[in-house]
Amino acid sequence: MIKVFISQPMNGMTDPQIERERELAIADATQQIKSCYPEDWDGKDGNEVEIVDTQIKGLIPGTHPLVYLGKSIEMMANADVVYFAKGWEKARGCCIEHECAKKYGKHVMYY
């Protein structure tokens, strides 16, 4: 199983917009992974992509954005691949996640 963390811009987007972009990112990340490792995708059990659930629950409105970023980086630590969705380079949180992923040797993929 390959665990994938999706880094995507969210600021200024509605929940449906975020979800739509996330679904596109998941589809693209899955396709890229399968094309990188075709020998592992011959229908064997256990050869699948698992998306790390990055939905942070239980935080109250007004929570400082660094709290979200810290939790996000913690989740990234458990991923095998970090995928950066369209527009990541314009989102400060995504840029910080990118720096962390690169500095800590995560396998990185892009939209």
Protein backbone atom coordinates (compact mmCIF):
# COMPACT_ATOMS: atom_id res chain seq x y z
CA MET A 1 0.00 0.00 0.00
CA ILE A 2 1.30 3.43 -0.94
CA LYS A 3 0.14 6.24 1.36
CA VAL A 4 -0.32 9.58 -0.38
CA PHE A 5 -0.57 12.99 1.27
CA ILE A 6 -2.32 15.63 -0.88
CA SER A 7 -1.15 19.22 -0.47
CA GLN A 8 -3.65 21.60 -1.99
CA PRO A 9 -4.59 25.26 -1.75
CA MET A 10 -7.77 25.89 0.23
CA ASN A 11 -7.78 29.58 1.16
CA GLY A 12 -10.75 31.40 -0.34
CA MET A 13 -12.34 28.22 -1.68
CA THR A 14 -15.70 26.72 -0.77
CA ASP A 15 -15.91 23.18 0.57
CA PRO A 16 -17.32 21.88 -2.75
CA GLN A 17 -14.46 23.55 -4.67
CA ILE A 18 -11.90 22.03 -2.32
CA GLU A 19 -13.48 18.59 -2.63
CA ARG A 20 -13.63 18.81 -6.45
CA GLU A 21 -9.94 19.79 -6.66
CA ARG A 22 -9.05 17.04 -4.19
CA GLU A 23 -10.81 14.40 -6.30
CA LEU A 24 -8.86 15.56 -9.37
CA ALA A 25 -5.62 15.43 -7.37
CA ILE A 26 -6.37 11.93 -6.08
CA ALA A 27 -7.09 10.66 -9.61
CA ASP A 28 -3.90 12.22 -10.99
CA ALA A 29 -1.72 11.01 -8.11
CA THR A 30 -3.09 7.47 -8.44
CA GLN A 31 -2.46 7.45 -12.20
CA GLN A 32 1.10 8.76 -11.75
CA ILE A 33 1.91 6.17 -9.08
CA LYS A 34 0.56 3.32 -11.17
CA SER A 35 2.58 4.46 -14.18
CA CYS A 36 5.75 4.75 -12.07
CA TYR A 37 5.40 1.22 -10.70
CA PRO A 38 3.51 -0.78 -13.37
CA GLU A 39 4.94 -4.10 -12.18
CA ASP A 40 3.20 -3.60 -8.83
CA TRP A 41 -0.24 -3.11 -10.36
CA ASP A 42 -1.06 -6.52 -11.77
CA GLY A 43 -4.14 -7.02 -9.62
CA LYS A 44 -2.39 -8.36 -6.53
CA ASP A 45 -4.09 -7.71 -3.21
CA GLY A 46 -2.53 -4.91 -1.19
CA ASN A 47 -1.34 -2.94 -4.21
CA GLU A 48 -3.40 0.14 -3.75
CA VAL A 49 -3.11 3.81 -3.09
CA GLU A 50 -4.31 5.07 0.28
CA ILE A 51 -4.97 8.77 0.60
CA VAL A 52 -3.96 10.16 3.99
CA ASP A 53 -7.07 11.74 5.50
CA THR A 54 -6.08 15.35 6.07
CA GLN A 55 -9.48 16.57 7.15
CA ILE A 56 -8.81 18.21 10.51
CA LYS A 57 -11.82 17.97 12.79
CA GLY A 58 -12.59 19.52 16.13
CA LEU A 59 -10.88 22.87 15.65
CA ILE A 60 -12.88 25.94 16.47
CA PRO A 61 -13.30 29.00 14.25
CA GLY A 62 -10.54 31.51 14.79
CA THR A 63 -7.90 28.82 15.25
CA HIS A 64 -4.54 30.16 14.10
CA PRO A 65 -3.54 28.78 10.67
CA LEU A 66 -0.26 27.49 12.10
CA VAL A 67 -2.24 24.97 14.13
CA TYR A 68 -3.63 23.53 10.90
CA LEU A 69 -0.21 23.57 9.27
CA GLY A 70 1.40 21.78 12.21
CA LYS A 71 -1.22 19.04 12.14
CA SER A 72 -0.84 18.80 8.38
CA ILE A 73 2.92 18.29 8.60
CA GLU A 74 2.37 15.66 11.27
CA MET A 75 0.06 13.78 8.89
CA MET A 76 2.58 14.13 6.07
CA ALA A 77 5.14 12.24 8.17
CA ASN A 78 3.10 9.04 7.67
CA ALA A 79 2.93 9.33 3.88
CA ASP A 80 5.11 7.60 1.29
CA VAL A 81 4.33 10.19 -1.39
CA VAL A 82 3.46 13.87 -1.11
CA TYR A 83 1.43 15.12 -4.06
CA PHE A 84 1.17 18.85 -4.74
CA ALA A 85 -2.08 19.86 -6.40
CA LYS A 86 -2.64 22.59 -8.94
CA GLY A 87 -1.76 26.03 -7.57
CA TRP A 88 0.29 24.76 -4.61
CA GLU A 89 3.13 27.19 -5.34
CA LYS A 90 0.83 30.16 -4.62
CA ALA A 91 -0.33 28.91 -1.21
CA ARG A 92 1.99 29.62 1.72
CA GLY A 93 0.97 26.47 3.62
CA CYS A 94 1.62 24.30 0.58
CA CYS A 95 5.00 25.98 0.06
CA ILE A 96 5.97 25.17 3.63
CA GLU A 97 4.74 21.59 3.21
CA HIS A 98 6.82 21.38 0.02
CA GLU A 99 9.94 22.57 1.81
CA CYS A 100 9.38 20.00 4.58
CA ALA A 101 8.73 17.19 2.10
CA LYS A 102 11.92 17.96 0.17
CA LYS A 103 14.11 18.48 3.26
CA TYR A 104 12.90 15.26 4.87
CA GLY A 105 13.25 13.07 1.80
CA LYS A 106 9.63 12.42 0.91
CA HIS A 107 8.87 11.26 -2.62
CA VAL A 108 7.22 14.29 -4.26
CA MET A 109 4.81 14.39 -7.19
CA TYR A 110 3.14 17.33 -8.89
CA TYR A 111 -0.07 18.09 -10.74
